[in-house]
Amino acid sequence: MAADTYVVTSKVKKLIKEQGGCNTSAETIDVLSEAVKKLCVKGIESAKADGRKTVMARDIVIDHL
């Protein structure tokens, strides 16, 4: 398991179960948490590059994954 979890495990498992009838491994939560962390770090970098202290929706770019 990852050091920090940045997603709500129960919500992710529920979504995967309801949408696809599948189970969710612990590694899936780790990978999703890492993806969220990367998005946040890139968002922080973008905000700082624009001279802001607030991360905005426009700073979160899915292509960063």
PDB file of N, CA and C in Angstrom:
ATOM      1  N   MET A   1       0.851  -1.183   0.000  1.00  0.00           N
ATOM      2  CA  MET A   1       0.000   0.000   0.000  1.00  0.00           C
ATOM      3  C   MET A   1       0.888   1.234   0.000  1.00  0.00           C
ATOM      4  N   ALA A   2       0.456   2.261  -0.689  1.00  0.00           N
ATOM      5  CA  ALA A   2       1.208   3.513  -0.784  1.00  0.00           C
ATOM      6  C   ALA A   2       1.282   4.190   0.581  1.00  0.00           C
ATOM      7  N   ALA A   3       2.283   5.041   0.746  1.00  0.00           N
ATOM      8  CA  ALA A   3       2.452   5.759   2.005  1.00  0.00           C
ATOM      9  C   ALA A   3       1.230   6.631   2.295  1.00  0.00           C
ATOM     10  N   ASP A   4       0.732   7.318   1.299  1.00  0.00           N
ATOM     11  CA  ASP A   4      -0.443   8.173   1.444  1.00  0.00           C
ATOM     12  C   ASP A   4      -1.470   7.788   0.395  1.00  0.00           C
ATOM     13  N   THR A   5      -2.726   7.795   0.799  1.00  0.00           N
ATOM     14  CA  THR A   5      -3.812   7.503  -0.128  1.00  0.00           C
ATOM     15  C   THR A   5      -4.568   8.798  -0.383  1.00  0.00           C
ATOM     16  N   TYR A   6      -4.664   9.182  -1.647  1.00  0.00           N
ATOM     17  CA  TYR A   6      -5.292  10.439  -2.031  1.00  0.00           C
ATOM     18  C   TYR A   6      -6.658  10.245  -2.679  1.00  0.00           C
ATOM     19  N   VAL A   7      -7.162   9.033  -2.631  1.00  0.00           N
ATOM     20  CA  VAL A   7      -8.500   8.751  -3.146  1.00  0.00           C
ATOM     21  C   VAL A   7      -9.294   8.046  -2.053  1.00  0.00           C
ATOM     22  N   VAL A   8     -10.600   8.117  -2.141  1.00  0.00           N
ATOM     23  CA  VAL A   8     -11.459   7.434  -1.174  1.00  0.00           C
ATOM     24  C   VAL A   8     -11.651   6.004  -1.666  1.00  0.00           C
ATOM     25  N   THR A   9     -10.983   5.087  -0.978  1.00  0.00           N
ATOM     26  CA  THR A   9     -10.959   3.689  -1.409  1.00  0.00           C
ATOM     27  C   THR A   9     -12.358   3.119  -1.591  1.00  0.00           C
ATOM     28  N   SER A  10     -13.240   3.354  -0.633  1.00  0.00           N
ATOM     29  CA  SER A  10     -14.588   2.785  -0.713  1.00  0.00           C
ATOM     30  C   SER A  10     -15.348   3.318  -1.922  1.00  0.00           C
ATOM     31  N   LYS A  11     -15.144   4.582  -2.253  1.00  0.00           N
ATOM     32  CA  LYS A  11     -15.831   5.173  -3.411  1.00  0.00           C
ATOM     33  C   LYS A  11     -15.301   4.591  -4.718  1.00  0.00           C
ATOM     34  N   VAL A  12     -13.985   4.400  -4.792  1.00  0.00           N
ATOM     35  CA  VAL A  12     -13.388   3.814  -5.996  1.00  0.00           C
ATOM     36  C   VAL A  12     -13.889   2.387  -6.177  1.00  0.00           C
ATOM     37  N   LYS A  13     -13.861   1.608  -5.107  1.00  0.00           N
ATOM     38  CA  LYS A  13     -14.322   0.218  -5.186  1.00  0.00           C
ATOM     39  C   LYS A  13     -15.788   0.145  -5.590  1.00  0.00           C
ATOM     40  N   LYS A  14     -16.606   1.031  -5.028  1.00  0.00           N
ATOM     41  CA  LYS A  14     -18.028   1.053  -5.356  1.00  0.00           C
ATOM     42  C   LYS A  14     -18.237   1.378  -6.836  1.00  0.00           C
ATOM     43  N   LEU A  15     -17.517   2.382  -7.335  1.00  0.00           N
ATOM     44  CA  LEU A  15     -17.631   2.762  -8.748  1.00  0.00           C
ATOM     45  C   LEU A  15     -17.268   1.599  -9.659  1.00  0.00           C
ATOM     46  N   ILE A  16     -16.144   0.973  -9.379  1.00  0.00           N
ATOM     47  CA  ILE A  16     -15.686  -0.136 -10.223  1.00  0.00           C
ATOM     48  C   ILE A  16     -16.667  -1.304 -10.159  1.00  0.00           C
ATOM     49  N   LYS A  17     -17.191  -1.586  -8.976  1.00  0.00           N
ATOM     50  CA  LYS A  17     -18.152  -2.686  -8.817  1.00  0.00           C
ATOM     51  C   LYS A  17     -19.456  -2.373  -9.554  1.00  0.00           C
ATOM     52  N   GLU A  18     -19.975  -1.155  -9.369  1.00  0.00           N
ATOM     53  CA  GLU A  18     -21.257  -0.788  -9.983  1.00  0.00           C
ATOM     54  C   GLU A  18     -21.160  -0.620 -11.496  1.00  0.00           C
ATOM     55  N   GLN A  19     -20.072  -0.052 -11.979  1.00  0.00           N
ATOM     56  CA  GLN A  19     -19.932   0.204 -13.412  1.00  0.00           C
ATOM     57  C   GLN A  19     -19.537  -1.036 -14.202  1.00  0.00           C
ATOM     58  N   GLY A  20     -18.728  -1.890 -13.586  1.00  0.00           N
ATOM     59  CA  GLY A  20     -18.226  -3.013 -14.360  1.00  0.00           C
ATOM     60  C   GLY A  20     -18.365  -4.374 -13.717  1.00  0.00           C
ATOM     61  N   GLY A  21     -18.884  -4.409 -12.478  1.00  0.00           N
ATOM     62  CA  GLY A  21     -19.031  -5.685 -11.800  1.00  0.00           C
ATOM     63  C   GLY A  21     -17.701  -6.314 -11.416  1.00  0.00           C
ATOM     64  N   CYS A  22     -16.669  -5.490 -11.309  1.00  0.00           N
ATOM     65  CA  CYS A  22     -15.323  -5.991 -11.018  1.00  0.00           C
ATOM     66  C   CYS A  22     -14.911  -5.684  -9.590  1.00  0.00           C
ATOM     67  N   ASN A  23     -13.962  -6.460  -9.112  1.00  0.00           N
ATOM     68  CA  ASN A  23     -13.333  -6.193  -7.825  1.00  0.00           C
ATOM     69  C   ASN A  23     -12.149  -5.261  -8.042  1.00  0.00           C
ATOM     70  N   THR A  24     -11.638  -4.694  -6.953  1.00  0.00           N
ATOM     71  CA  THR A  24     -10.541  -3.731  -7.020  1.00  0.00           C
ATOM     72  C   THR A  24      -9.388  -4.197  -6.148  1.00  0.00           C
ATOM     73  N   SER A  25      -8.210  -4.313  -6.728  1.00  0.00           N
ATOM     74  CA  SER A  25      -7.029  -4.711  -5.960  1.00  0.00           C
ATOM     75  C   SER A  25      -6.469  -3.510  -5.208  1.00  0.00           C
ATOM     76  N   ALA A  26      -5.692  -3.777  -4.178  1.00  0.00           N
ATOM     77  CA  ALA A  26      -5.036  -2.712  -3.408  1.00  0.00           C
ATOM     78  C   ALA A  26      -4.094  -1.916  -4.301  1.00  0.00           C
ATOM     79  N   GLU A  27      -3.463  -2.593  -5.239  1.00  0.00           N
ATOM     80  CA  GLU A  27      -2.538  -1.912  -6.136  1.00  0.00           C
ATOM     81  C   GLU A  27      -3.250  -0.859  -6.982  1.00  0.00           C
ATOM     82  N   THR A  28      -4.506  -1.092  -7.298  1.00  0.00           N
ATOM     83  CA  THR A  28      -5.277  -0.125  -8.074  1.00  0.00           C
ATOM     84  C   THR A  28      -5.398   1.186  -7.313  1.00  0.00           C
ATOM     85  N   ILE A  29      -5.669   1.102  -6.028  1.00  0.00           N
ATOM     86  CA  ILE A  29      -5.781   2.297  -5.191  1.00  0.00           C
ATOM     87  C   ILE A  29      -4.438   3.022  -5.137  1.00  0.00           C
ATOM     88  N   ASP A  30      -3.350   2.262  -5.031  1.00  0.00           N
ATOM     89  CA  ASP A  30      -2.006   2.858  -5.013  1.00  0.00           C
ATOM     90  C   ASP A  30      -1.720   3.622  -6.300  1.00  0.00           C
ATOM     91  N   VAL A  31      -2.060   3.012  -7.435  1.00  0.00           N
ATOM     92  CA  VAL A  31      -1.807   3.641  -8.736  1.00  0.00           C
ATOM     93  C   VAL A  31      -2.655   4.903  -8.894  1.00  0.00           C
ATOM     94  N   LEU A  32      -3.911   4.834  -8.500  1.00  0.00           N
ATOM     95  CA  LEU A  32      -4.769   6.015  -8.591  1.00  0.00           C
ATOM     96  C   LEU A  32      -4.277   7.130  -7.673  1.00  0.00           C
ATOM     97  N   SER A  33      -3.826   6.772  -6.484  1.00  0.00           N
ATOM     98  CA  SER A  33      -3.288   7.775  -5.557  1.00  0.00           C
ATOM     99  C   SER A  33      -2.048   8.444  -6.134  1.00  0.00           C
ATOM    100  N   GLU A  34      -1.193   7.665  -6.750  1.00  0.00           N
ATOM    101  CA  GLU A  34       0.010   8.228  -7.370  1.00  0.00           C
ATOM    102  C   GLU A  34      -0.363   9.167  -8.515  1.00  0.00           C
ATOM    103  N   ALA A  35      -1.390   8.802  -9.290  1.00  0.00           N
ATOM    104  CA  ALA A  35      -1.844   9.659 -10.387  1.00  0.00           C
ATOM    105  C   ALA A  35      -2.386  10.983  -9.848  1.00  0.00           C
ATOM    106  N   VAL A  36      -3.154  10.932  -8.768  1.00  0.00           N
ATOM    107  CA  VAL A  36      -3.689  12.148  -8.154  1.00  0.00           C
ATOM    108  C   VAL A  36      -2.545  13.017  -7.637  1.00  0.00           C
ATOM    109  N   LYS A  37      -1.562  12.390  -7.010  1.00  0.00           N
ATOM    110  CA  LYS A  37      -0.406  13.134  -6.501  1.00  0.00           C
ATOM    111  C   LYS A  37       0.318  13.852  -7.642  1.00  0.00           C
ATOM    112  N   LYS A  38       0.549  13.144  -8.743  1.00  0.00           N
ATOM    113  CA  LYS A  38       1.230  13.746  -9.895  1.00  0.00           C
ATOM    114  C   LYS A  38       0.432  14.922 -10.451  1.00  0.00           C
ATOM    115  N   LEU A  39      -0.886  14.772 -10.556  1.00  0.00           N
ATOM    116  CA  LEU A  39      -1.727  15.863 -11.039  1.00  0.00           C
ATOM    117  C   LEU A  39      -1.616  17.080 -10.127  1.00  0.00           C
ATOM    118  N   CYS A  40      -1.616  16.848  -8.832  1.00  0.00           N
ATOM    119  CA  CYS A  40      -1.513  17.951  -7.872  1.00  0.00           C
ATOM    120  C   CYS A  40      -0.167  18.652  -7.969  1.00  0.00           C
ATOM    121  N   VAL A  41       0.900  17.880  -8.051  1.00  0.00           N
ATOM    122  CA  VAL A  41       2.242  18.468  -8.151  1.00  0.00           C
ATOM    123  C   VAL A  41       2.358  19.310  -9.418  1.00  0.00           C
ATOM    124  N   LYS A  42       1.870  18.793 -10.533  1.00  0.00           N
ATOM    125  CA  LYS A  42       1.904  19.555 -11.787  1.00  0.00           C
ATOM    126  C   LYS A  42       1.027  20.803 -11.689  1.00  0.00           C
ATOM    127  N   GLY A  43      -0.113  20.680 -11.011  1.00  0.00           N
ATOM    128  CA  GLY A  43      -0.984  21.833 -10.804  1.00  0.00           C
ATOM    129  C   GLY A  43      -0.305  22.912  -9.976  1.00  0.00           C
ATOM    130  N   ILE A  44       0.415  22.503  -8.944  1.00  0.00           N
ATOM    131  CA  ILE A  44       1.172  23.440  -8.108  1.00  0.00           C
ATOM    132  C   ILE A  44       2.222  24.157  -8.948  1.00  0.00           C
ATOM    133  N   GLU A  45       2.936  23.394  -9.749  1.00  0.00           N
ATOM    134  CA  GLU A  45       3.965  23.987 -10.615  1.00  0.00           C
ATOM    135  C   GLU A  45       3.358  25.009 -11.571  1.00  0.00           C
ATOM    136  N   SER A  46       2.214  24.687 -12.130  1.00  0.00           N
ATOM    137  CA  SER A  46       1.547  25.587 -13.069  1.00  0.00           C
ATOM    138  C   SER A  46       1.100  26.871 -12.372  1.00  0.00           C
ATOM    139  N   ALA A  47       0.510  26.736 -11.195  1.00  0.00           N
ATOM    140  CA  ALA A  47       0.055  27.910 -10.443  1.00  0.00           C
ATOM    141  C   ALA A  47       1.234  28.812 -10.087  1.00  0.00           C
ATOM    142  N   LYS A  48       2.307  28.210  -9.605  1.00  0.00           N
ATOM    143  CA  LYS A  48       3.490  29.001  -9.235  1.00  0.00           C
ATOM    144  C   LYS A  48       4.103  29.683 -10.452  1.00  0.00           C
ATOM    145  N   ALA A  49       4.105  28.998 -11.587  1.00  0.00           N
ATOM    146  CA  ALA A  49       4.643  29.587 -12.818  1.00  0.00           C
ATOM    147  C   ALA A  49       3.841  30.816 -13.236  1.00  0.00           C
ATOM    148  N   ASP A  50       2.553  30.827 -12.890  1.00  0.00           N
ATOM    149  CA  ASP A  50       1.694  31.972 -13.192  1.00  0.00           C
ATOM    150  C   ASP A  50       1.695  32.999 -12.064  1.00  0.00           C
ATOM    151  N   GLY A  51       2.521  32.774 -11.034  1.00  0.00           N
ATOM    152  CA  GLY A  51       2.610  33.712  -9.921  1.00  0.00           C
ATOM    153  C   GLY A  51       1.445  33.637  -8.954  1.00  0.00           C
ATOM    154  N   ARG A  52       0.773  32.503  -8.917  1.00  0.00           N
ATOM    155  CA  ARG A  52      -0.375  32.332  -8.023  1.00  0.00           C
ATOM    156  C   ARG A  52      -0.045  31.361  -6.898  1.00  0.00           C
ATOM    157  N   LYS A  53      -0.767  31.501  -5.789  1.00  0.00           N
ATOM    158  CA  LYS A  53      -0.661  30.560  -4.677  1.00  0.00           C
ATOM    159  C   LYS A  53      -1.880  29.646  -4.625  1.00  0.00           C
ATOM    160  N   THR A  54      -2.769  29.812  -5.576  1.00  0.00           N
ATOM    161  CA  THR A  54      -3.985  29.010  -5.630  1.00  0.00           C
ATOM    162  C   THR A  54      -3.955  28.120  -6.862  1.00  0.00           C
ATOM    163  N   VAL A  55      -4.107  26.828  -6.648  1.00  0.00           N
ATOM    164  CA  VAL A  55      -4.211  25.887  -7.765  1.00  0.00           C
ATOM    165  C   VAL A  55      -5.653  25.944  -8.258  1.00  0.00           C
ATOM    166  N   MET A  56      -5.798  26.166  -9.548  1.00  0.00           N
ATOM    167  CA  MET A  56      -7.121  26.291 -10.154  1.00  0.00           C
ATOM    168  C   MET A  56      -7.363  25.114 -11.099  1.00  0.00           C
ATOM    169  N   ALA A  57      -8.611  24.956 -11.490  1.00  0.00           N
ATOM    170  CA  ALA A  57      -8.976  23.855 -12.385  1.00  0.00           C
ATOM    171  C   ALA A  57      -8.117  23.856 -13.645  1.00  0.00           C
ATOM    172  N   ARG A  58      -7.800  25.025 -14.145  1.00  0.00           N
ATOM    173  CA  ARG A  58      -7.006  25.108 -15.379  1.00  0.00           C
ATOM    174  C   ARG A  58      -5.578  24.596 -15.197  1.00  0.00           C
ATOM    175  N   ASP A  59      -5.131  24.474 -13.944  1.00  0.00           N
ATOM    176  CA  ASP A  59      -3.793  23.954 -13.661  1.00  0.00           C
ATOM    177  C   ASP A  59      -3.748  22.427 -13.679  1.00  0.00           C
ATOM    178  N   ILE A  60      -4.902  21.811 -13.588  1.00  0.00           N
ATOM    179  CA  ILE A  60      -4.980  20.348 -13.569  1.00  0.00           C
ATOM    180  C   ILE A  60      -5.280  19.876 -14.983  1.00  0.00           C
ATOM    181  N   VAL A  61      -4.262  19.322 -15.620  1.00  0.00           N
ATOM    182  CA  VAL A  61      -4.377  18.884 -17.008  1.00  0.00           C
ATOM    183  C   VAL A  61      -4.237  17.363 -17.036  1.00  0.00           C
ATOM    184  N   ILE A  62      -5.252  16.693 -17.522  1.00  0.00           N
ATOM    185  CA  ILE A  62      -5.257  15.230 -17.542  1.00  0.00           C
ATOM    186  C   ILE A  62      -4.078  14.682 -18.333  1.00  0.00           C
ATOM    187  N   ASP A  63      -3.589  15.429 -19.305  1.00  0.00           N
ATOM    188  CA  ASP A  63      -2.441  14.976 -20.093  1.00  0.00           C
ATOM    189  C   ASP A  63      -1.181  14.816 -19.244  1.00  0.00           C
ATOM    190  N   HIS A  64      -1.179  15.362 -18.035  1.00  0.00           N
ATOM    191  CA  HIS A  64      -0.022  15.226 -17.149  1.00  0.00           C
ATOM    192  C   HIS A  64       0.185  13.784 -16.700  1.00  0.00           C
ATOM    193  N   LEU A  65      -0.819  12.973 -16.854  1.00  0.00           N
ATOM    194  CA  LEU A  65      -0.673  11.572 -16.466  1.00  0.00           C
ATOM    195  C   LEU A  65       0.162  10.877 -17.498  1.00  0.00           C
TER     196      LEU A  65
END
